[in-house]
Amino acid sequence: MEEKLSTEELEMELYSNQELISLLENTKAKPYMNSNSTYEYLISQDLTSLDAKLNLMDIFREIFRLQAYPVLFEFNDRKIF
């Protein structure tokens, strides 16, 4: 499965997709997030920044790992597992 979302599409999903919101609200925040939930952290970020994009990959990699989905991210012509 491959899905590509623009920053704008991702922001719309973060505010309107109840299944995604619930998943992120119930995902424990990582120590660097300084938030109670992953959802709170994500909606407070500038999703156009490189830091936020790298954090997003980290967050979803962890969520998919916990859900037992194989994950492959491509970033600047490198594959990151």
N, C-alpha and C. Protein backbone atom coordinates (compact mmCIF):
# COMPACT_ATOMS: atom_id res chain seq x y z
N MET A 1 0.85 -1.16 0.00
CA MET A 1 0.00 0.00 0.00
C MET A 1 0.90 1.23 0.00
N GLU A 2 0.54 2.20 -0.80
CA GLU A 2 1.28 3.45 -0.84
C GLU A 2 0.27 4.58 -0.85
N GLU A 3 0.55 5.57 -0.07
CA GLU A 3 -0.34 6.72 -0.01
C GLU A 3 0.52 7.96 0.07
N LYS A 4 0.20 8.93 -0.75
CA LYS A 4 0.91 10.21 -0.71
C LYS A 4 -0.12 11.30 -0.45
N LEU A 5 0.14 12.09 0.58
CA LEU A 5 -0.74 13.19 0.93
C LEU A 5 0.05 14.48 0.91
N SER A 6 -0.57 15.53 0.42
CA SER A 6 0.05 16.84 0.54
C SER A 6 -0.09 17.28 2.00
N THR A 7 0.65 18.29 2.37
CA THR A 7 0.55 18.82 3.73
C THR A 7 -0.88 19.26 4.02
N GLU A 8 -1.51 19.89 3.06
CA GLU A 8 -2.89 20.35 3.24
C GLU A 8 -3.86 19.18 3.45
N GLU A 9 -3.68 18.12 2.66
CA GLU A 9 -4.52 16.93 2.81
C GLU A 9 -4.31 16.27 4.17
N LEU A 10 -3.07 16.21 4.60
CA LEU A 10 -2.78 15.63 5.90
C LEU A 10 -3.44 16.45 7.01
N GLU A 11 -3.34 17.77 6.94
CA GLU A 11 -3.98 18.62 7.95
C GLU A 11 -5.49 18.41 7.97
N MET A 12 -6.10 18.29 6.78
CA MET A 12 -7.54 18.03 6.73
C MET A 12 -7.87 16.71 7.39
N GLU A 13 -7.06 15.68 7.15
CA GLU A 13 -7.28 14.37 7.76
C GLU A 13 -7.13 14.46 9.28
N LEU A 14 -6.15 15.22 9.75
CA LEU A 14 -5.94 15.35 11.20
C LEU A 14 -7.10 16.03 11.90
N TYR A 15 -7.85 16.84 11.18
CA TYR A 15 -8.98 17.54 11.80
C TYR A 15 -10.33 16.89 11.52
N SER A 16 -10.40 15.99 10.51
CA SER A 16 -11.72 15.48 10.14
C SER A 16 -11.87 13.96 10.20
N ASN A 17 -10.79 13.22 10.16
CA ASN A 17 -10.86 11.76 10.13
C ASN A 17 -10.93 11.23 11.56
N GLN A 18 -12.12 10.86 12.00
CA GLN A 18 -12.31 10.44 13.39
C GLN A 18 -11.53 9.18 13.75
N GLU A 19 -11.38 8.28 12.82
CA GLU A 19 -10.62 7.06 13.08
C GLU A 19 -9.14 7.40 13.32
N LEU A 20 -8.59 8.28 12.50
CA LEU A 20 -7.21 8.71 12.67
C LEU A 20 -7.04 9.49 13.97
N ILE A 21 -7.96 10.39 14.25
CA ILE A 21 -7.92 11.16 15.50
C ILE A 21 -7.92 10.23 16.70
N SER A 22 -8.82 9.26 16.71
CA SER A 22 -8.90 8.31 17.82
C SER A 22 -7.60 7.52 17.96
N LEU A 23 -7.06 7.04 16.85
CA LEU A 23 -5.81 6.30 16.89
C LEU A 23 -4.69 7.15 17.49
N LEU A 24 -4.57 8.39 17.04
CA LEU A 24 -3.51 9.27 17.52
C LEU A 24 -3.73 9.72 18.95
N GLU A 25 -4.98 9.91 19.34
CA GLU A 25 -5.26 10.29 20.73
C GLU A 25 -4.91 9.16 21.69
N ASN A 26 -5.00 7.93 21.20
CA ASN A 26 -4.72 6.77 22.04
C ASN A 26 -3.31 6.23 21.87
N THR A 27 -2.49 6.98 21.15
CA THR A 27 -1.09 6.61 20.97
C THR A 27 -0.26 7.47 21.90
N LYS A 28 0.45 6.80 22.78
CA LYS A 28 1.25 7.51 23.77
C LYS A 28 2.28 8.40 23.09
N ALA A 29 2.39 9.60 23.56
CA ALA A 29 3.35 10.54 23.01
C ALA A 29 4.77 10.12 23.36
N LYS A 30 5.68 10.35 22.44
CA LYS A 30 7.09 10.09 22.70
C LYS A 30 7.63 11.19 23.61
N PRO A 31 8.71 10.93 24.32
CA PRO A 31 9.23 11.91 25.27
C PRO A 31 9.51 13.30 24.68
N TYR A 32 9.95 13.36 23.43
CA TYR A 32 10.27 14.66 22.84
C TYR A 32 9.03 15.49 22.49
N MET A 33 7.86 14.91 22.57
CA MET A 33 6.65 15.60 22.15
C MET A 33 6.11 16.61 23.16
N ASN A 34 6.40 16.42 24.43
CA ASN A 34 5.87 17.32 25.46
C ASN A 34 4.36 17.50 25.35
N SER A 35 3.66 16.42 25.10
CA SER A 35 2.20 16.42 24.97
C SER A 35 1.66 15.17 25.63
N ASN A 36 0.35 15.19 25.89
CA ASN A 36 -0.30 14.02 26.46
C ASN A 36 -0.56 12.94 25.43
N SER A 37 -0.78 13.34 24.19
CA SER A 37 -1.06 12.37 23.14
C SER A 37 -0.34 12.78 21.86
N THR A 38 -0.20 11.81 21.00
CA THR A 38 0.41 12.07 19.69
C THR A 38 -0.45 13.06 18.91
N TYR A 39 -1.77 12.95 19.03
CA TYR A 39 -2.65 13.87 18.32
C TYR A 39 -2.41 15.31 18.75
N GLU A 40 -2.36 15.56 20.05
CA GLU A 40 -2.11 16.93 20.54
C GLU A 40 -0.79 17.47 19.99
N TYR A 41 0.19 16.62 19.96
CA TYR A 41 1.49 17.02 19.44
C TYR A 41 1.39 17.41 17.96
N LEU A 42 0.77 16.54 17.15
CA LEU A 42 0.72 16.79 15.72
C LEU A 42 -0.05 18.05 15.35
N ILE A 43 -1.16 18.30 16.02
CA ILE A 43 -1.93 19.49 15.65
C ILE A 43 -1.25 20.78 16.09
N SER A 44 -0.23 20.66 16.94
CA SER A 44 0.49 21.86 17.37
C SER A 44 1.72 22.14 16.49
N GLN A 45 2.00 21.26 15.54
CA GLN A 45 3.20 21.38 14.71
C GLN A 45 2.96 22.10 13.39
N ASP A 46 4.02 22.71 12.87
CA ASP A 46 4.02 23.25 11.51
C ASP A 46 4.40 22.09 10.60
N LEU A 47 3.42 21.48 10.00
CA LEU A 47 3.66 20.26 9.22
C LEU A 47 4.42 20.50 7.92
N THR A 48 4.73 21.76 7.62
CA THR A 48 5.54 22.03 6.43
C THR A 48 7.03 22.00 6.75
N SER A 49 7.39 21.96 8.02
CA SER A 49 8.81 21.96 8.39
C SER A 49 9.40 20.56 8.23
N LEU A 50 10.69 20.51 7.93
CA LEU A 50 11.37 19.23 7.77
C LEU A 50 11.36 18.44 9.07
N ASP A 51 11.56 19.11 10.19
CA ASP A 51 11.53 18.42 11.49
C ASP A 51 10.20 17.72 11.71
N ALA A 52 9.11 18.42 11.44
CA ALA A 52 7.78 17.83 11.64
C ALA A 52 7.57 16.64 10.71
N LYS A 53 8.04 16.74 9.47
CA LYS A 53 7.88 15.63 8.53
C LYS A 53 8.67 14.40 8.99
N LEU A 54 9.87 14.62 9.50
CA LEU A 54 10.65 13.48 10.01
C LEU A 54 9.98 12.88 11.24
N ASN A 55 9.44 13.73 12.10
CA ASN A 55 8.72 13.23 13.27
C ASN A 55 7.48 12.45 12.85
N LEU A 56 6.78 12.92 11.82
CA LEU A 56 5.61 12.20 11.32
C LEU A 56 5.99 10.80 10.86
N MET A 57 7.09 10.69 10.12
CA MET A 57 7.53 9.37 9.67
C MET A 57 7.82 8.48 10.86
N ASP A 58 8.46 9.02 11.87
CA ASP A 58 8.78 8.27 13.08
C ASP A 58 7.50 7.82 13.79
N ILE A 59 6.56 8.72 13.92
CA ILE A 59 5.28 8.43 14.60
C ILE A 59 4.53 7.32 13.87
N PHE A 60 4.36 7.46 12.56
CA PHE A 60 3.59 6.47 11.83
C PHE A 60 4.33 5.15 11.69
N ARG A 61 5.66 5.19 11.62
CA ARG A 61 6.43 3.95 11.61
C ARG A 61 6.15 3.18 12.89
N GLU A 62 6.15 3.87 14.03
CA GLU A 62 5.89 3.22 15.31
C GLU A 62 4.45 2.69 15.39
N ILE A 63 3.49 3.49 14.95
CA ILE A 63 2.09 3.04 14.95
C ILE A 63 1.92 1.80 14.08
N PHE A 64 2.49 1.83 12.88
CA PHE A 64 2.37 0.68 11.99
C PHE A 64 3.08 -0.53 12.55
N ARG A 65 4.23 -0.33 13.21
CA ARG A 65 4.94 -1.45 13.82
C ARG A 65 4.07 -2.09 14.90
N LEU A 66 3.43 -1.26 15.71
CA LEU A 66 2.56 -1.79 16.76
C LEU A 66 1.34 -2.49 16.19
N GLN A 67 0.89 -2.06 15.02
CA GLN A 67 -0.26 -2.67 14.36
C GLN A 67 0.16 -3.83 13.45
N ALA A 68 1.46 -4.12 13.42
CA ALA A 68 2.04 -5.22 12.62
C ALA A 68 1.90 -5.00 11.12
N TYR A 69 2.03 -3.75 10.67
CA TYR A 69 2.08 -3.45 9.24
C TYR A 69 3.54 -3.25 8.84
N PRO A 70 3.99 -3.84 7.73
CA PRO A 70 5.35 -3.56 7.27
C PRO A 70 5.43 -2.12 6.77
N VAL A 71 6.53 -1.46 7.05
CA VAL A 71 6.65 -0.04 6.69
C VAL A 71 7.93 0.20 5.92
N LEU A 72 7.81 0.97 4.87
CA LEU A 72 8.95 1.40 4.10
C LEU A 72 8.74 2.86 3.75
N PHE A 73 9.67 3.70 4.17
CA PHE A 73 9.60 5.12 3.83
C PHE A 73 10.73 5.42 2.86
N GLU A 74 10.43 6.23 1.86
CA GLU A 74 11.48 6.69 0.96
C GLU A 74 11.67 8.17 1.22
N PHE A 75 12.94 8.54 1.37
CA PHE A 75 13.26 9.92 1.69
C PHE A 75 14.55 10.29 0.97
N ASN A 76 14.48 11.24 0.06
CA ASN A 76 15.66 11.68 -0.69
C ASN A 76 16.40 10.52 -1.34
N ASP A 77 15.66 9.70 -2.04
CA ASP A 77 16.22 8.55 -2.77
C ASP A 77 16.84 7.48 -1.89
N ARG A 78 16.60 7.54 -0.57
CA ARG A 78 17.07 6.50 0.33
C ARG A 78 15.85 5.81 0.90
N LYS A 79 15.94 4.53 1.09
CA LYS A 79 14.85 3.80 1.71
C LYS A 79 15.14 3.69 3.19
N ILE A 80 14.17 4.06 3.99
CA ILE A 80 14.33 4.02 5.43
C ILE A 80 13.34 3.02 5.98
N PHE A 81 13.83 2.05 6.71
CA PHE A 81 12.96 1.02 7.27
C PHE A 81 12.69 1.32 8.72
